[in-house]
Amino acid sequence: MQVRLKTAPESVREVHIDTARRDARMRQFIERAQASGRTIVESDGARLDKLAGTTRHQGVVARVTVLAVNHSLDDLLDSVEGPPLVLLLDGVTDPHNLGACLRVADGAGAHAVIAPKDHAVGVNATVAKVASGAAESVPYFMVTNLARTMGELKERDILVVGTSDDAKQSIYDLDLTGPVAVVLGAEGAGMRALTRKTCDVLVHIPMHGAVESLNVSVASAVCLYEVLRQRSRQGVST
């Protein structure tokens, strides 16, 4: 809700709040909603339960309108100002991992997250909860053929960077200031063979401890924020 009020307040028709909650966090939320010109409706717990269809609403339920979304990845990329930054996930089927990846993508300023339809989880309630609003702010495209989509990104001069434990060069060795698509595979299995083959370049994340790999959401954070770091140093807007 905080994210929706920040990014698209006009889509929030009214906000129902629990009359029993008056803690500092709730007061801060009400102030933000009022500053956005939203209608505040005081409701009791039973009313909120009915509106939300669950008791797990933390005392806030909103009536919203559906946000307009880009109809295609091409439409989105055509609208990007500056070098695109895209995250591709190959074989990530755990909703907690997807939600965390979306949250990371939002924080790093990625323009989209892409996954194959047959080897991924869609956005569900668990994903939305873990993403903490990023499921609404970051476009998530599920494509029929991931390798073909990677080829289309290449045609746009987007560097497709895959991650692999056995890659010779590190993520820190690569110039990531231009258009970039970062590709991550599922934990354990990694990227599928065709996905790996379609990448322009493979890099690894240096590991100096006892564990051999990182959680996919942590790995996405390392990679995306390295792109952000390099672009910031070069004065490249994201």
Protein backbone atom coordinates (compact mmCIF):
# COMPACT_ATOMS: atom_id res chain seq x y z
CA MET A 1 0.00 0.00 0.00
CA GLN A 2 2.83 2.38 0.84
CA VAL A 3 4.30 1.77 -2.61
CA ARG A 4 0.96 2.29 -4.38
CA LEU A 5 0.45 5.61 -2.56
CA LYS A 6 3.93 6.68 -3.59
CA THR A 7 3.92 5.58 -7.22
CA ALA A 8 0.25 5.78 -8.24
CA PRO A 9 -1.84 7.56 -5.59
CA GLU A 10 -4.60 8.37 -8.08
CA SER A 11 -5.35 4.65 -8.37
CA VAL A 12 -6.29 4.42 -4.68
CA ARG A 13 -10.01 5.17 -4.43
CA GLU A 14 -10.38 4.92 -0.65
CA VAL A 15 -8.48 3.57 2.31
CA HIS A 16 -10.17 1.71 5.15
CA ILE A 17 -8.30 1.75 8.46
CA ASP A 18 -8.84 -0.10 11.72
CA THR A 19 -10.22 2.27 14.36
CA ALA A 20 -8.41 0.25 17.03
CA ARG A 21 -4.97 1.00 15.60
CA ARG A 22 -3.42 4.35 16.48
CA ASP A 23 0.26 3.46 16.77
CA ALA A 24 3.00 5.63 15.29
CA ARG A 25 3.24 3.57 12.11
CA MET A 26 -0.49 3.84 11.48
CA ARG A 27 -0.47 7.60 12.13
CA GLN A 28 2.36 8.00 9.65
CA PHE A 29 0.48 5.98 7.06
CA ILE A 30 -2.69 8.04 7.54
CA GLU A 31 -0.72 11.25 7.12
CA ARG A 32 0.70 10.01 3.83
CA ALA A 33 -2.70 8.90 2.58
CA GLN A 34 -4.26 12.23 3.49
CA ALA A 35 -1.40 14.15 1.88
CA SER A 36 -2.16 12.22 -1.32
CA GLY A 37 -5.78 13.35 -1.15
CA ARG A 38 -7.13 9.88 -0.52
CA THR A 39 -10.44 9.23 1.22
CA ILE A 40 -9.95 7.69 4.67
CA VAL A 41 -12.71 5.46 6.02
CA GLU A 42 -12.62 4.26 9.63
CA SER A 43 -13.75 0.64 9.88
CA ASP A 44 -13.81 -2.03 12.52
CA GLY A 45 -11.97 -5.34 12.32
CA ALA A 46 -14.96 -7.31 11.04
CA ARG A 47 -15.48 -4.87 8.16
CA LEU A 48 -11.81 -5.03 7.21
CA ASP A 49 -11.84 -8.83 7.33
CA LYS A 50 -14.77 -8.87 4.94
CA LEU A 51 -13.22 -6.36 2.54
CA ALA A 52 -9.86 -8.13 2.46
CA GLY A 53 -11.23 -11.67 2.51
CA THR A 54 -8.67 -12.48 5.18
CA THR A 55 -7.68 -11.47 8.69
CA ARG A 56 -4.10 -10.78 7.60
CA HIS A 57 -4.45 -7.14 6.59
CA GLN A 58 -2.63 -5.32 9.43
CA GLY A 59 -5.51 -2.92 9.87
CA VAL A 60 -5.44 -1.39 6.38
CA VAL A 61 -7.51 -2.27 3.30
CA ALA A 62 -7.79 -0.15 0.16
CA ARG A 63 -10.13 -0.05 -2.80
CA VAL A 64 -8.03 0.55 -5.89
CA THR A 65 -8.36 0.70 -9.64
CA VAL A 66 -6.31 -1.59 -11.86
CA LEU A 67 -3.10 0.03 -13.04
CA ALA A 68 -2.37 0.22 -16.73
CA VAL A 69 0.55 -2.00 -17.70
CA ASN A 70 2.79 -2.23 -20.72
CA HIS A 71 1.29 -4.68 -23.17
CA SER A 72 4.66 -6.05 -24.21
CA LEU A 73 8.33 -6.04 -23.37
CA ASP A 74 8.97 -4.13 -26.59
CA ASP A 75 6.59 -1.37 -25.52
CA LEU A 76 8.37 -1.07 -22.20
CA LEU A 77 11.88 -1.01 -23.67
CA ASP A 78 10.80 1.58 -26.25
CA SER A 79 9.75 3.85 -23.39
CA VAL A 80 12.98 3.54 -21.36
CA GLU A 81 15.14 6.63 -21.15
CA GLY A 82 18.79 5.82 -20.74
CA PRO A 83 20.36 2.34 -20.85
CA PRO A 84 17.90 -0.45 -20.01
CA LEU A 85 18.53 -2.76 -17.07
CA VAL A 86 16.67 -6.07 -17.12
CA LEU A 87 16.75 -9.13 -14.86
CA LEU A 88 16.08 -12.57 -16.36
CA LEU A 89 15.31 -15.52 -14.11
CA ASP A 90 15.64 -19.03 -15.53
CA GLY A 91 13.97 -21.75 -13.47
CA VAL A 92 13.08 -19.76 -10.35
CA THR A 93 9.95 -21.52 -9.09
CA ASP A 94 9.94 -20.54 -5.41
CA PRO A 95 7.52 -17.64 -4.77
CA HIS A 96 9.64 -16.33 -1.88
CA ASN A 97 12.66 -16.11 -4.17
CA LEU A 98 10.68 -14.37 -6.91
CA GLY A 99 9.22 -11.88 -4.45
CA ALA A 100 12.68 -11.09 -3.09
CA CYS A 101 14.07 -10.72 -6.64
CA LEU A 102 11.30 -8.27 -7.55
CA ARG A 103 12.07 -6.26 -4.43
CA VAL A 104 15.77 -6.16 -5.34
CA ALA A 105 14.95 -5.22 -8.94
CA ASP A 106 12.81 -2.32 -7.74
CA GLY A 107 15.53 -1.08 -5.40
CA ALA A 108 18.21 -1.22 -8.10
CA GLY A 109 16.02 0.51 -10.67
CA ALA A 110 15.65 -2.43 -13.04
CA HIS A 111 13.09 -1.80 -15.75
CA ALA A 112 11.69 -5.34 -15.91
CA VAL A 113 12.01 -8.91 -14.72
CA ILE A 114 11.58 -11.69 -17.29
CA ALA A 115 11.00 -15.41 -16.81
CA PRO A 116 9.92 -18.34 -18.99
CA LYS A 117 6.31 -19.46 -18.70
CA ASP A 118 7.18 -23.12 -18.26
CA HIS A 119 10.02 -22.81 -15.74
CA ALA A 120 8.89 -20.12 -13.32
CA VAL A 121 6.35 -19.09 -10.74
CA GLY A 122 3.81 -16.41 -11.50
CA VAL A 123 2.93 -13.50 -9.26
CA ASN A 124 0.69 -14.80 -6.48
CA ALA A 125 -0.21 -13.67 -2.97
CA THR A 126 3.04 -14.99 -1.50
CA VAL A 127 5.13 -13.26 -4.16
CA ALA A 128 3.27 -10.00 -3.64
CA LYS A 129 3.74 -10.13 0.13
CA VAL A 130 7.47 -10.87 -0.04
CA ALA A 131 7.96 -8.24 -2.74
CA SER A 132 6.54 -5.56 -0.40
CA GLY A 133 4.96 -3.58 -3.23
CA ALA A 134 7.55 -4.32 -5.92
CA ALA A 135 5.20 -6.80 -7.61
CA GLU A 136 3.20 -3.72 -8.67
CA SER A 137 6.09 -1.39 -9.44
CA VAL A 138 8.32 -3.74 -11.47
CA PRO A 139 6.90 -5.19 -14.71
CA TYR A 140 7.11 -8.99 -14.73
CA PHE A 141 6.99 -10.66 -18.12
CA MET A 142 6.57 -14.41 -18.58
CA VAL A 143 7.68 -15.35 -22.09
CA THR A 144 7.17 -18.47 -24.15
CA ASN A 145 10.81 -18.84 -25.20
CA LEU A 146 13.47 -17.29 -22.97
CA ALA A 147 16.33 -17.87 -25.43
CA ARG A 148 14.39 -16.13 -28.20
CA THR A 149 13.69 -13.19 -25.90
CA MET A 150 17.39 -13.00 -25.06
CA GLY A 151 18.08 -12.84 -28.79
CA GLU A 152 15.63 -9.97 -29.14
CA LEU A 153 17.39 -8.13 -26.33
CA LYS A 154 20.68 -8.58 -28.20
CA GLU A 155 19.11 -7.04 -31.28
CA ARG A 156 18.55 -3.95 -29.16
CA ASP A 157 22.28 -3.93 -28.32
CA ILE A 158 21.57 -5.03 -24.76
CA LEU A 159 24.48 -6.99 -23.31
CA VAL A 160 23.18 -10.32 -21.97
CA VAL A 161 25.27 -11.29 -18.96
CA GLY A 162 24.82 -14.77 -17.50
CA THR A 163 26.03 -15.87 -14.08
CA SER A 164 27.84 -19.15 -13.59
CA ASP A 165 30.09 -20.47 -10.83
CA ASP A 166 32.63 -21.73 -13.38
CA ALA A 167 32.88 -18.52 -15.42
CA LYS A 168 36.45 -17.21 -15.71
CA GLN A 169 35.75 -13.52 -15.16
CA SER A 170 34.04 -11.86 -12.24
CA ILE A 171 30.97 -9.61 -12.35
CA TYR A 172 33.36 -6.88 -11.19
CA ASP A 173 35.58 -7.29 -14.27
CA LEU A 174 32.86 -6.32 -16.73
CA ASP A 175 31.81 -2.89 -17.97
CA LEU A 176 28.11 -2.69 -17.07
CA THR A 177 27.47 0.99 -17.78
CA GLY A 178 25.64 0.30 -21.06
CA PRO A 179 22.36 -1.53 -21.68
CA VAL A 180 22.46 -4.75 -19.63
CA ALA A 181 20.35 -7.86 -19.06
CA VAL A 182 21.48 -10.00 -16.11
CA VAL A 183 20.56 -13.69 -16.27
CA LEU A 184 20.35 -15.87 -13.16
CA GLY A 185 19.44 -19.53 -12.89
CA ALA A 186 17.78 -21.43 -10.09
CA GLU A 187 19.82 -22.47 -7.09
CA GLY A 188 21.56 -25.75 -7.64
CA ALA A 189 20.53 -26.34 -11.25
CA GLY A 190 21.64 -22.94 -12.53
CA MET A 191 20.75 -21.81 -16.03
CA ARG A 192 19.56 -24.30 -18.60
CA ALA A 193 22.04 -25.21 -21.35
CA LEU A 194 20.36 -23.16 -24.09
CA THR A 195 20.02 -20.14 -21.81
CA ARG A 196 23.70 -20.35 -20.93
CA LYS A 197 24.69 -20.73 -24.59
CA THR A 198 22.63 -17.69 -25.60
CA CYS A 199 24.35 -15.32 -23.15
CA ASP A 200 26.91 -12.86 -24.57
CA VAL A 201 29.21 -13.38 -21.63
CA LEU A 202 29.35 -15.41 -18.43
CA VAL A 203 30.58 -14.06 -15.09
CA HIS A 204 30.85 -15.39 -11.57
CA ILE A 205 30.29 -13.81 -8.18
CA PRO A 206 33.44 -14.19 -6.06
CA MET A 207 32.92 -16.53 -3.11
CA HIS A 208 35.56 -16.59 -0.37
CA GLY A 209 33.78 -18.53 2.37
CA ALA A 210 32.72 -22.11 2.90
CA VAL A 211 29.43 -21.93 0.96
CA GLU A 212 29.58 -22.46 -2.79
CA SER A 213 26.72 -20.25 -3.95
CA LEU A 214 24.26 -17.52 -2.98
CA ASN A 215 20.50 -17.49 -2.86
CA VAL A 216 19.19 -16.27 -6.23
CA SER A 217 17.71 -13.09 -4.74
CA VAL A 218 21.02 -12.27 -3.03
CA ALA A 219 22.90 -12.97 -6.26
CA SER A 220 20.51 -10.70 -8.15
CA ALA A 221 21.20 -7.95 -5.62
CA VAL A 222 24.97 -8.32 -6.05
CA CYS A 223 24.71 -8.12 -9.85
CA LEU A 224 22.09 -5.38 -10.18
CA TYR A 225 23.71 -3.14 -7.62
CA GLU A 226 27.07 -3.56 -9.32
CA VAL A 227 25.41 -2.21 -12.47
CA LEU A 228 24.00 0.64 -10.41
CA ARG A 229 27.38 1.34 -8.78
CA GLN A 230 29.21 1.48 -12.11
CA ARG A 231 26.59 3.70 -13.71
CA SER A 232 26.58 6.06 -10.72
CA ARG A 233 30.37 6.45 -10.91
CA GLN A 234 30.13 7.26 -14.61
CA GLY A 235 27.19 9.61 -14.15
CA VAL A 236 24.89 7.35 -16.19
CA SER A 237 21.22 7.77 -15.26
CA THR A 238 19.08 4.71 -14.63
